[in-house]
Amino acid sequence: MYGKRHRMRLTTAITTGLEQATALDRPAARLRGLVERVPQGRTRDALHGVPIGHPLHPMLVQVPIGTWISASLLDVVPRTGIASGVLIAVGLGAAVPAAAAGALDWAQTHEQQQRVGLVHATCNIVGVGLYSASLIARLRRRPLRGRALALAGLATVSAGGLLGGHLAYRQAVGANHTEDVAHVVGDGSRWHSVGLLSAFVEGRPARRFLGETPLLVVRDGQRARVLADRCSHLSGPLSEGEVADGRVTCPWHGSVFALDDGEVVHGPATAPQPVFETRVVHGELQVRLPGAG
C-alpha cells in the first residue's frame, strides 16, 4: 500500500513540477508562434473539432497508438511476416494529422497547460523518431533491432499519453467548461430577473449574475440576447469580448459564438454556449434556461 501511494505521489510531483517549470516558457512561446501562423478558417476549425462538437485530437491519436501497440504484439507472434512493419508505417502516417490537431489545441491554452503539453509533444516526437528508426531497421532486415526500437517507442509514447491524460482530466484541456450551467441555475421553467432593460447599453456586452452563474447580456432594441458568460473553451469572460455582426468573440483565445443560438462560429471552442430564453415584463429583463434543473 505504501509503495502504491509513493508512486502516486511521485507522478503527481512530476506533473505539478512540469506545470510550474517556467524554463519551458521560452521554447513554448517559439512553438506557439509557429502554430499560430496557421490561418483562421475551415481547416483550422476542423482540426480543432468544431464540426463534431468536441476536440478532434483525442480521436485521431487512437490510430497511431492502436497500430503501434498491435505491432509490438505481433512482434512476439511467429510467422506474422511484414505485418508489424505495415502497422508501424500506418501509425507514422496517422501521427501527422493527430499532431497537427493537438498543436492547434495546445497553442490556445494557459501557460501551465502549455508547459505540460510541450513535454507531452516532445515525448510523442521522440516516439515517432524511434518508430521511424524501427521501420528503417526492419526494411534493412534487422528485425531484433526493429523490435527493440519499437518497444522503446511504445514506452515513450506511453509516457506522452500519461501527460495527455493529465492535460485532459486534471487540467481540463478540451473539456466543455459550461457543461455545469444547466445544473446550477435552478429550475428551467422559472423566470429570473436580471435588471431593467433600460440599464443595458445597446449592443454593448454586459455581465450579470443568476445566482453564482455569470451571464452575458447584449441588448438589441427592445429585447436582449443572453448567453452563459464563461466561454466553453477555457472559461474566458465573454462579456469582456467584442460584439459585432450578431457574434461575440472571447477575449482570451478568440473563440467566436453566435448570439442567437450560442453555436460555435470559429474555434478553438468546440462546445456551444448555453442560451437563455428572455422576455421583458414591465421593463424588466427576465431569463430562464429551458431544461435546467
C-alpha atoms as a PDB file:
ATOM      1  CA  MET A   1       0.000   0.000   0.000  1.00  0.00           C
ATOM      2  CA  TYR A   2       2.810   2.401   0.910  1.00  0.00           C
ATOM      3  CA  GLY A   3       4.550   1.690  -2.390  1.00  0.00           C
ATOM      4  CA  LYS A   4       1.398   2.451  -4.348  1.00  0.00           C
ATOM      5  CA  ARG A   5       0.884   5.756  -2.523  1.00  0.00           C
ATOM      6  CA  HIS A   6       4.525   6.632  -3.092  1.00  0.00           C
ATOM      7  CA  ARG A   7       4.199   6.025  -6.860  1.00  0.00           C
ATOM      8  CA  MET A   8       1.052   8.132  -6.979  1.00  0.00           C
ATOM      9  CA  ARG A   9       2.775  10.976  -5.137  1.00  0.00           C
ATOM     10  CA  LEU A  10       5.784  10.742  -7.442  1.00  0.00           C
ATOM     11  CA  THR A  11       3.568  11.020 -10.533  1.00  0.00           C
ATOM     12  CA  THR A  12       1.734  13.988  -9.058  1.00  0.00           C
ATOM     13  CA  ALA A  13       5.022  15.636  -8.116  1.00  0.00           C
ATOM     14  CA  ILE A  14       6.306  15.250 -11.665  1.00  0.00           C
ATOM     15  CA  THR A  15       3.210  16.695 -13.304  1.00  0.00           C
ATOM     16  CA  THR A  16       2.992  19.519 -10.760  1.00  0.00           C
ATOM     17  CA  GLY A  17       6.659  20.264 -11.364  1.00  0.00           C
ATOM     18  CA  LEU A  18       6.044  20.487 -15.100  1.00  0.00           C
ATOM     19  CA  GLU A  19       3.134  22.872 -14.562  1.00  0.00           C
ATOM     20  CA  GLN A  20       5.459  25.199 -12.628  1.00  0.00           C
ATOM     21  CA  ALA A  21       8.527  24.813 -14.884  1.00  0.00           C
ATOM     22  CA  THR A  22       8.929  28.369 -16.183  1.00  0.00           C
ATOM     23  CA  ALA A  23      12.032  27.275 -18.103  1.00  0.00           C
ATOM     24  CA  LEU A  24       9.648  25.717 -20.621  1.00  0.00           C
ATOM     25  CA  ASP A  25       8.002  29.063 -21.398  1.00  0.00           C
ATOM     26  CA  ARG A  26      10.576  30.237 -23.944  1.00  0.00           C
ATOM     27  CA  PRO A  27      10.502  27.133 -26.189  1.00  0.00           C
ATOM     28  CA  ALA A  28       6.728  27.033 -25.770  1.00  0.00           C
ATOM     29  CA  ALA A  29       6.463  30.629 -26.971  1.00  0.00           C
ATOM     30  CA  ARG A  30       8.567  29.857 -30.052  1.00  0.00           C
ATOM     31  CA  LEU A  31       6.497  26.824 -30.949  1.00  0.00           C
ATOM     32  CA  ARG A  32       3.260  28.712 -30.282  1.00  0.00           C
ATOM     33  CA  GLY A  33       4.403  31.421 -32.679  1.00  0.00           C
ATOM     34  CA  LEU A  34       4.849  28.843 -35.424  1.00  0.00           C
ATOM     35  CA  VAL A  35       1.499  27.178 -34.779  1.00  0.00           C
ATOM     36  CA  GLU A  36      -0.368  30.488 -34.747  1.00  0.00           C
ATOM     37  CA  ARG A  37       0.732  31.154 -38.314  1.00  0.00           C
ATOM     38  CA  VAL A  38      -1.932  28.683 -39.429  1.00  0.00           C
ATOM     39  CA  PRO A  39      -4.669  30.951 -40.827  1.00  0.00           C
ATOM     40  CA  GLN A  40      -8.170  31.050 -39.394  1.00  0.00           C
ATOM     41  CA  GLY A  41     -10.743  29.182 -41.439  1.00  0.00           C
ATOM     42  CA  ARG A  42     -12.430  25.884 -42.057  1.00  0.00           C
ATOM     43  CA  THR A  43      -9.278  23.776 -41.924  1.00  0.00           C
ATOM     44  CA  ARG A  44      -8.276  25.159 -38.562  1.00  0.00           C
ATOM     45  CA  ASP A  45     -11.797  24.772 -37.185  1.00  0.00           C
ATOM     46  CA  ALA A  46     -11.941  21.208 -38.479  1.00  0.00           C
ATOM     47  CA  LEU A  47      -8.662  20.328 -36.735  1.00  0.00           C
ATOM     48  CA  HIS A  48      -9.981  21.849 -33.511  1.00  0.00           C
ATOM     49  CA  GLY A  49     -13.071  19.626 -33.854  1.00  0.00           C
ATOM     50  CA  VAL A  50     -15.708  22.336 -34.270  1.00  0.00           C
ATOM     51  CA  PRO A  51     -17.802  20.300 -36.772  1.00  0.00           C
ATOM     52  CA  ILE A  52     -18.075  17.312 -34.405  1.00  0.00           C
ATOM     53  CA  GLY A  53     -18.621  19.311 -31.224  1.00  0.00           C
ATOM     54  CA  HIS A  54     -15.547  18.153 -29.291  1.00  0.00           C
ATOM     55  CA  PRO A  55     -11.759  18.143 -29.812  1.00  0.00           C
ATOM     56  CA  LEU A  56     -10.564  16.071 -32.753  1.00  0.00           C
ATOM     57  CA  HIS A  57      -7.094  15.284 -31.397  1.00  0.00           C
ATOM     58  CA  PRO A  58      -8.095  12.547 -28.884  1.00  0.00           C
ATOM     59  CA  MET A  59      -9.917  10.671 -31.627  1.00  0.00           C
ATOM     60  CA  LEU A  60      -7.043  10.917 -34.128  1.00  0.00           C
ATOM     61  CA  VAL A  61      -4.428   9.587 -31.708  1.00  0.00           C
ATOM     62  CA  GLN A  62      -6.280   6.266 -31.466  1.00  0.00           C
ATOM     63  CA  VAL A  63      -4.878   5.196 -34.841  1.00  0.00           C
ATOM     64  CA  PRO A  64      -1.129   5.561 -34.184  1.00  0.00           C
ATOM     65  CA  ILE A  65      -1.428   4.252 -30.624  1.00  0.00           C
ATOM     66  CA  GLY A  66      -3.545   1.293 -31.728  1.00  0.00           C
ATOM     67  CA  THR A  67      -1.289   0.344 -34.637  1.00  0.00           C
ATOM     68  CA  TRP A  68       1.887   0.648 -32.595  1.00  0.00           C
ATOM     69  CA  ILE A  69       0.559  -1.473 -29.735  1.00  0.00           C
ATOM     70  CA  SER A  70      -0.596  -4.049 -32.281  1.00  0.00           C
ATOM     71  CA  ALA A  71       2.830  -4.019 -33.932  1.00  0.00           C
ATOM     72  CA  SER A  72       4.562  -4.865 -30.665  1.00  0.00           C
ATOM     73  CA  LEU A  73       2.077  -7.663 -30.009  1.00  0.00           C
ATOM     74  CA  LEU A  74       2.667  -9.141 -33.479  1.00  0.00           C
ATOM     75  CA  ASP A  75       6.419  -8.932 -32.925  1.00  0.00           C
ATOM     76  CA  VAL A  76       6.095 -11.820 -30.469  1.00  0.00           C
ATOM     77  CA  VAL A  77       3.742 -13.860 -32.680  1.00  0.00           C
ATOM     78  CA  PRO A  78       5.526 -16.318 -35.011  1.00  0.00           C
ATOM     79  CA  ARG A  79       5.150 -16.078 -38.795  1.00  0.00           C
ATOM     80  CA  THR A  80       3.422 -12.687 -38.934  1.00  0.00           C
ATOM     81  CA  GLY A  81       5.762 -11.544 -41.690  1.00  0.00           C
ATOM     82  CA  ILE A  82       5.773  -7.838 -42.518  1.00  0.00           C
ATOM     83  CA  ALA A  83       2.566  -7.092 -40.625  1.00  0.00           C
ATOM     84  CA  SER A  84       4.331  -5.261 -37.795  1.00  0.00           C
ATOM     85  CA  GLY A  85       6.192  -3.012 -40.211  1.00  0.00           C
ATOM     86  CA  VAL A  86       3.000  -2.188 -42.065  1.00  0.00           C
ATOM     87  CA  LEU A  87       1.268  -1.267 -38.814  1.00  0.00           C
ATOM     88  CA  ILE A  88       4.173   0.966 -37.783  1.00  0.00           C
ATOM     89  CA  ALA A  89       4.064   2.726 -41.153  1.00  0.00           C
ATOM     90  CA  VAL A  90       0.318   3.314 -40.856  1.00  0.00           C
ATOM     91  CA  GLY A  91       0.821   4.718 -37.367  1.00  0.00           C
ATOM     92  CA  LEU A  92       3.518   7.097 -38.579  1.00  0.00           C
ATOM     93  CA  GLY A  93       1.220   8.396 -41.298  1.00  0.00           C
ATOM     94  CA  ALA A  94      -1.691   8.824 -38.880  1.00  0.00           C
ATOM     95  CA  ALA A  95       0.512  10.670 -36.392  1.00  0.00           C
ATOM     96  CA  VAL A  96       0.779  13.678 -38.718  1.00  0.00           C
ATOM     97  CA  PRO A  97      -2.862  14.889 -38.587  1.00  0.00           C
ATOM     98  CA  ALA A  98      -3.070  13.906 -34.910  1.00  0.00           C
ATOM     99  CA  ALA A  99      -0.056  16.087 -34.144  1.00  0.00           C
ATOM    100  CA  ALA A 100      -1.447  18.977 -36.204  1.00  0.00           C
ATOM    101  CA  ALA A 101      -4.757  18.904 -34.327  1.00  0.00           C
ATOM    102  CA  GLY A 102      -3.017  18.640 -30.971  1.00  0.00           C
ATOM    103  CA  ALA A 103      -0.664  21.524 -31.735  1.00  0.00           C
ATOM    104  CA  LEU A 104      -3.526  23.848 -32.635  1.00  0.00           C
ATOM    105  CA  ASP A 105      -5.393  22.976 -29.449  1.00  0.00           C
ATOM    106  CA  TRP A 106      -2.228  23.347 -27.371  1.00  0.00           C
ATOM    107  CA  ALA A 107      -1.444  26.830 -28.711  1.00  0.00           C
ATOM    108  CA  GLN A 108      -4.758  28.119 -27.299  1.00  0.00           C
ATOM    109  CA  THR A 109      -4.259  27.096 -23.668  1.00  0.00           C
ATOM    110  CA  HIS A 110      -2.939  28.644 -20.448  1.00  0.00           C
ATOM    111  CA  GLU A 111       0.782  28.695 -19.683  1.00  0.00           C
ATOM    112  CA  GLN A 112       0.649  25.857 -17.119  1.00  0.00           C
ATOM    113  CA  GLN A 113      -1.140  23.684 -19.656  1.00  0.00           C
ATOM    114  CA  GLN A 114       1.339  24.638 -22.360  1.00  0.00           C
ATOM    115  CA  ARG A 115       4.279  23.577 -20.205  1.00  0.00           C
ATOM    116  CA  VAL A 116       2.856  20.092 -19.692  1.00  0.00           C
ATOM    117  CA  GLY A 117       1.730  19.978 -23.309  1.00  0.00           C
ATOM    118  CA  LEU A 118       5.215  20.804 -24.562  1.00  0.00           C
ATOM    119  CA  VAL A 119       6.687  17.789 -22.743  1.00  0.00           C
ATOM    120  CA  HIS A 120       3.745  15.674 -23.932  1.00  0.00           C
ATOM    121  CA  ALA A 121       4.552  16.670 -27.516  1.00  0.00           C
ATOM    122  CA  THR A 122       8.277  16.066 -27.006  1.00  0.00           C
ATOM    123  CA  CYS A 123       7.609  12.513 -25.825  1.00  0.00           C
ATOM    124  CA  ASN A 124       5.489  11.863 -28.889  1.00  0.00           C
ATOM    125  CA  ILE A 125       8.079  13.369 -31.246  1.00  0.00           C
ATOM    126  CA  VAL A 126      10.774  11.154 -29.739  1.00  0.00           C
ATOM    127  CA  GLY A 127       8.391   8.202 -30.044  1.00  0.00           C
ATOM    128  CA  VAL A 128       7.807   8.942 -33.720  1.00  0.00           C
ATOM    129  CA  GLY A 129      11.572   9.075 -34.218  1.00  0.00           C
ATOM    130  CA  LEU A 130      12.017   5.692 -32.554  1.00  0.00           C
ATOM    131  CA  TYR A 131       9.253   4.120 -34.629  1.00  0.00           C
ATOM    132  CA  SER A 132      10.752   5.605 -37.797  1.00  0.00           C
ATOM    133  CA  ALA A 133      14.098   4.070 -36.867  1.00  0.00           C
ATOM    134  CA  SER A 134      12.326   0.779 -36.147  1.00  0.00           C
ATOM    135  CA  LEU A 135      10.752   0.772 -39.593  1.00  0.00           C
ATOM    136  CA  ILE A 136      14.100   1.513 -41.231  1.00  0.00           C
ATOM    137  CA  ALA A 137      15.744  -1.312 -39.282  1.00  0.00           C
ATOM    138  CA  ARG A 138      13.058  -3.742 -40.441  1.00  0.00           C
ATOM    139  CA  LEU A 139      13.482  -2.666 -44.053  1.00  0.00           C
ATOM    140  CA  ARG A 140      17.218  -3.324 -43.665  1.00  0.00           C
ATOM    141  CA  ARG A 141      16.440  -6.829 -42.358  1.00  0.00           C
ATOM    142  CA  ARG A 142      17.441  -6.142 -38.770  1.00  0.00           C
ATOM    143  CA  PRO A 143      14.329  -7.462 -37.014  1.00  0.00           C
ATOM    144  CA  LEU A 144      15.706  -7.616 -33.466  1.00  0.00           C
ATOM    145  CA  ARG A 145      16.842  -4.008 -33.641  1.00  0.00           C
ATOM    146  CA  GLY A 146      13.482  -3.066 -35.118  1.00  0.00           C
ATOM    147  CA  ARG A 147      11.582  -4.766 -32.289  1.00  0.00           C
ATOM    148  CA  ALA A 148      13.743  -3.149 -29.616  1.00  0.00           C
ATOM    149  CA  LEU A 149      13.246   0.313 -31.118  1.00  0.00           C
ATOM    150  CA  ALA A 150       9.506  -0.275 -31.350  1.00  0.00           C
ATOM    151  CA  LEU A 151       9.333  -1.186 -27.655  1.00  0.00           C
ATOM    152  CA  ALA A 152      11.309   1.933 -26.787  1.00  0.00           C
ATOM    153  CA  GLY A 153       8.930   3.952 -28.933  1.00  0.00           C
ATOM    154  CA  LEU A 154       5.915   2.430 -27.214  1.00  0.00           C
ATOM    155  CA  ALA A 155       7.322   3.266 -23.783  1.00  0.00           C
ATOM    156  CA  THR A 156       7.971   6.849 -24.861  1.00  0.00           C
ATOM    157  CA  VAL A 157       4.540   7.489 -26.349  1.00  0.00           C
ATOM    158  CA  SER A 158       3.003   5.843 -23.271  1.00  0.00           C
ATOM    159  CA  ALA A 159       4.750   8.464 -21.132  1.00  0.00           C
ATOM    160  CA  GLY A 160       3.350  11.075 -23.501  1.00  0.00           C
ATOM    161  CA  GLY A 161      -0.082   9.515 -23.090  1.00  0.00           C
ATOM    162  CA  LEU A 162       0.202   9.802 -19.313  1.00  0.00           C
ATOM    163  CA  LEU A 163       0.797  13.535 -19.709  1.00  0.00           C
ATOM    164  CA  GLY A 164      -2.040  13.720 -22.219  1.00  0.00           C
ATOM    165  CA  GLY A 165      -4.354  12.268 -19.597  1.00  0.00           C
ATOM    166  CA  HIS A 166      -3.144  14.874 -17.109  1.00  0.00           C
ATOM    167  CA  LEU A 167      -3.888  17.624 -19.627  1.00  0.00           C
ATOM    168  CA  ALA A 168      -7.381  16.322 -20.318  1.00  0.00           C
ATOM    169  CA  TYR A 169      -8.553  15.262 -16.867  1.00  0.00           C
ATOM    170  CA  ARG A 170      -6.546  17.323 -14.370  1.00  0.00           C
ATOM    171  CA  GLN A 171      -6.054  20.494 -16.383  1.00  0.00           C
ATOM    172  CA  ALA A 172      -9.350  20.189 -18.306  1.00  0.00           C
ATOM    173  CA  VAL A 173      -7.944  20.947 -21.757  1.00  0.00           C
ATOM    174  CA  GLY A 174     -10.673  20.238 -24.294  1.00  0.00           C
ATOM    175  CA  ALA A 175     -13.414  19.914 -21.698  1.00  0.00           C
ATOM    176  CA  ASN A 176     -16.695  21.824 -22.027  1.00  0.00           C
ATOM    177  CA  HIS A 177     -16.420  24.480 -19.322  1.00  0.00           C
ATOM    178  CA  THR A 178     -20.129  25.316 -19.495  1.00  0.00           C
ATOM    179  CA  GLU A 179     -21.458  21.780 -19.005  1.00  0.00           C
ATOM    180  CA  ASP A 180     -22.447  22.514 -15.419  1.00  0.00           C
ATOM    181  CA  VAL A 181     -24.515  25.625 -16.185  1.00  0.00           C
ATOM    182  CA  ALA A 182     -27.773  23.731 -16.677  1.00  0.00           C
ATOM    183  CA  HIS A 183     -27.277  22.024 -13.322  1.00  0.00           C
ATOM    184  CA  VAL A 184     -26.626  25.100 -11.182  1.00  0.00           C
ATOM    185  CA  VAL A 185     -29.010  27.822 -12.423  1.00  0.00           C
ATOM    186  CA  GLY A 186     -32.101  26.309 -10.869  1.00  0.00           C
ATOM    187  CA  ASP A 187     -35.476  25.333 -12.294  1.00  0.00           C
ATOM    188  CA  GLY A 188     -35.533  25.891 -16.060  1.00  0.00           C
ATOM    189  CA  SER A 189     -39.263  26.612 -16.035  1.00  0.00           C
ATOM    190  CA  ARG A 190     -38.925  29.671 -13.787  1.00  0.00           C
ATOM    191  CA  TRP A 191     -38.139  33.196 -14.941  1.00  0.00           C
ATOM    192  CA  HIS A 192     -35.472  35.218 -13.158  1.00  0.00           C
ATOM    193  CA  SER A 193     -34.914  38.961 -13.271  1.00  0.00           C
ATOM    194  CA  VAL A 194     -31.502  40.318 -14.268  1.00  0.00           C
ATOM    195  CA  GLY A 195     -32.405  44.011 -14.135  1.00  0.00           C
ATOM    196  CA  LEU A 196     -34.182  46.701 -16.116  1.00  0.00           C
ATOM    197  CA  LEU A 197     -33.716  46.508 -19.871  1.00  0.00           C
ATOM    198  CA  SER A 198     -33.089  50.255 -19.912  1.00  0.00           C
ATOM    199  CA  ALA A 199     -29.991  49.706 -17.774  1.00  0.00           C
ATOM    200  CA  PHE A 200     -28.234  47.922 -20.642  1.00  0.00           C
ATOM    201  CA  VAL A 201     -26.466  49.899 -23.365  1.00  0.00           C
ATOM    202  CA  GLU A 202     -27.461  48.936 -26.920  1.00  0.00           C
ATOM    203  CA  GLY A 203     -25.001  46.447 -28.440  1.00  0.00           C
ATOM    204  CA  ARG A 204     -22.563  46.596 -25.531  1.00  0.00           C
ATOM    205  CA  PRO A 205     -21.786  43.324 -23.714  1.00  0.00           C
ATOM    206  CA  ALA A 206     -22.637  43.333 -20.022  1.00  0.00           C
ATOM    207  CA  ARG A 207     -22.210  40.829 -17.204  1.00  0.00           C
ATOM    208  CA  ARG A 208     -24.981  39.913 -14.811  1.00  0.00           C
ATOM    209  CA  PHE A 209     -25.392  37.022 -12.404  1.00  0.00           C
ATOM    210  CA  LEU A 210     -28.074  34.400 -11.967  1.00  0.00           C
ATOM    211  CA  GLY A 211     -27.162  33.153  -8.522  1.00  0.00           C
ATOM    212  CA  GLU A 212     -23.446  32.474  -8.890  1.00  0.00           C
ATOM    213  CA  THR A 213     -23.629  31.893 -12.649  1.00  0.00           C
ATOM    214  CA  PRO A 214     -22.310  34.791 -14.758  1.00  0.00           C
ATOM    215  CA  LEU A 215     -24.381  35.778 -17.797  1.00  0.00           C
ATOM    216  CA  LEU A 216     -23.513  37.705 -20.944  1.00  0.00           C
ATOM    217  CA  VAL A 217     -26.284  40.178 -21.777  1.00  0.00           C
ATOM    218  CA  VAL A 218     -26.393  42.066 -25.094  1.00  0.00           C
ATOM    219  CA  ARG A 219     -29.294  44.448 -25.631  1.00  0.00           C
ATOM    220  CA  ASP A 220     -30.769  44.602 -29.125  1.00  0.00           C
ATOM    221  CA  GLY A 221     -33.512  47.221 -29.231  1.00  0.00           C
ATOM    222  CA  GLN A 222     -36.414  46.127 -27.063  1.00  0.00           C
ATOM    223  CA  ARG A 223     -35.014  42.668 -26.496  1.00  0.00           C
ATOM    224  CA  ALA A 224     -31.776  41.130 -25.285  1.00  0.00           C
ATOM    225  CA  ARG A 225     -29.739  38.062 -26.059  1.00  0.00           C
ATOM    226  CA  VAL A 226     -28.291  36.207 -23.103  1.00  0.00           C
ATOM    227  CA  LEU A 227     -25.615  33.501 -23.034  1.00  0.00           C
ATOM    228  CA  ALA A 228     -23.578  31.875 -20.304  1.00  0.00           C
ATOM    229  CA  ASP A 229     -20.681  34.277 -19.814  1.00  0.00           C
ATOM    230  CA  ARG A 230     -17.903  31.732 -19.211  1.00  0.00           C
ATOM    231  CA  CYS A 231     -16.500  30.570 -22.556  1.00  0.00           C
ATOM    232  CA  SER A 232     -16.928  26.835 -23.092  1.00  0.00           C
ATOM    233  CA  HIS A 233     -13.287  26.603 -24.168  1.00  0.00           C
ATOM    234  CA  LEU A 234     -11.435  27.715 -21.025  1.00  0.00           C
ATOM    235  CA  SER A 235     -13.927  29.891 -19.123  1.00  0.00           C
ATOM    236  CA  GLY A 236     -12.901  33.239 -20.619  1.00  0.00           C
ATOM    237  CA  PRO A 237     -15.263  36.154 -19.809  1.00  0.00           C
ATOM    238  CA  LEU A 238     -17.300  36.736 -22.957  1.00  0.00           C
ATOM    239  CA  SER A 239     -18.672  39.972 -21.510  1.00  0.00           C
ATOM    240  CA  GLU A 240     -15.179  41.425 -21.917  1.00  0.00           C
ATOM    241  CA  GLY A 241     -15.045  40.415 -25.573  1.00  0.00           C
ATOM    242  CA  GLU A 242     -16.064  42.138 -28.786  1.00  0.00           C
ATOM    243  CA  VAL A 243     -19.648  42.035 -30.045  1.00  0.00           C
ATOM    244  CA  ALA A 244     -20.231  42.552 -33.767  1.00  0.00           C
ATOM    245  CA  ASP A 245     -22.473  41.176 -36.510  1.00  0.00           C
ATOM    246  CA  GLY A 246     -24.533  39.117 -34.074  1.00  0.00           C
ATOM    247  CA  ARG A 247     -21.451  37.390 -32.684  1.00  0.00           C
ATOM    248  CA  VAL A 248     -19.268  37.612 -29.595  1.00  0.00           C
ATOM    249  CA  THR A 249     -15.530  36.908 -29.563  1.00  0.00           C
ATOM    250  CA  CYS A 250     -13.858  35.535 -26.441  1.00  0.00           C
ATOM    251  CA  PRO A 251     -11.079  37.894 -25.297  1.00  0.00           C
ATOM    252  CA  TRP A 252      -8.829  35.054 -24.154  1.00  0.00           C
ATOM    253  CA  HIS A 253      -8.383  32.733 -27.134  1.00  0.00           C
ATOM    254  CA  GLY A 254     -10.581  34.166 -29.870  1.00  0.00           C
ATOM    255  CA  SER A 255     -13.462  31.674 -29.950  1.00  0.00           C
ATOM    256  CA  VAL A 256     -16.468  33.165 -31.742  1.00  0.00           C
ATOM    257  CA  PHE A 257     -20.086  32.370 -30.847  1.00  0.00           C
ATOM    258  CA  ALA A 258     -23.402  33.333 -32.440  1.00  0.00           C
ATOM    259  CA  LEU A 259     -25.517  35.374 -30.038  1.00  0.00           C
ATOM    260  CA  ASP A 260     -28.807  33.953 -31.308  1.00  0.00           C
ATOM    261  CA  ASP A 261     -28.151  30.283 -30.623  1.00  0.00           C
ATOM    262  CA  GLY A 262     -24.732  30.097 -28.953  1.00  0.00           C
ATOM    263  CA  GLU A 263     -23.281  27.942 -31.716  1.00  0.00           C
ATOM    264  CA  VAL A 264     -19.534  27.981 -32.354  1.00  0.00           C
ATOM    265  CA  VAL A 265     -18.652  30.080 -35.389  1.00  0.00           C
ATOM    266  CA  HIS A 266     -14.880  29.687 -35.005  1.00  0.00           C
ATOM    267  CA  GLY A 267     -12.756  27.674 -32.572  1.00  0.00           C
ATOM    268  CA  PRO A 268     -10.780  26.798 -30.556  1.00  0.00           C
ATOM    269  CA  ALA A 269     -14.042  26.246 -28.646  1.00  0.00           C
ATOM    270  CA  THR A 270     -15.979  23.209 -29.831  1.00  0.00           C
ATOM    271  CA  ALA A 271     -18.986  23.236 -27.467  1.00  0.00           C
ATOM    272  CA  PRO A 272     -21.744  25.846 -27.891  1.00  0.00           C
ATOM    273  CA  GLN A 273     -22.652  28.371 -25.213  1.00  0.00           C
ATOM    274  CA  PRO A 274     -25.846  27.778 -23.217  1.00  0.00           C
ATOM    275  CA  VAL A 275     -28.522  30.205 -24.460  1.00  0.00           C
ATOM    276  CA  PHE A 276     -31.126  31.649 -22.118  1.00  0.00           C
ATOM    277  CA  GLU A 277     -34.668  32.488 -23.141  1.00  0.00           C
ATOM    278  CA  THR A 278     -35.549  36.129 -22.490  1.00  0.00           C
ATOM    279  CA  ARG A 279     -38.608  38.274 -22.059  1.00  0.00           C
ATOM    280  CA  VAL A 280     -39.324  41.840 -20.916  1.00  0.00           C
ATOM    281  CA  VAL A 281     -42.061  42.348 -18.312  1.00  0.00           C
ATOM    282  CA  HIS A 282     -42.854  45.922 -17.239  1.00  0.00           C
ATOM    283  CA  GLY A 283     -39.419  46.973 -18.449  1.00  0.00           C
ATOM    284  CA  GLU A 284     -37.656  44.219 -16.529  1.00  0.00           C
ATOM    285  CA  LEU A 285     -35.451  41.724 -18.365  1.00  0.00           C
ATOM    286  CA  GLN A 286     -36.118  38.151 -17.294  1.00  0.00           C
ATOM    287  CA  VAL A 287     -34.306  34.976 -18.282  1.00  0.00           C
ATOM    288  CA  ARG A 288     -34.607  31.225 -17.944  1.00  0.00           C
ATOM    289  CA  LEU A 289     -32.694  28.203 -19.253  1.00  0.00           C
ATOM    290  CA  PRO A 290     -35.001  25.528 -20.682  1.00  0.00           C
ATOM    291  CA  GLY A 291     -34.190  22.047 -19.425  1.00  0.00           C
ATOM    292  CA  ALA A 292     -32.148  23.303 -16.473  1.00  0.00           C
ATOM    293  CA  GLY A 293     -32.523  21.790 -13.075  1.00  0.00           C
END
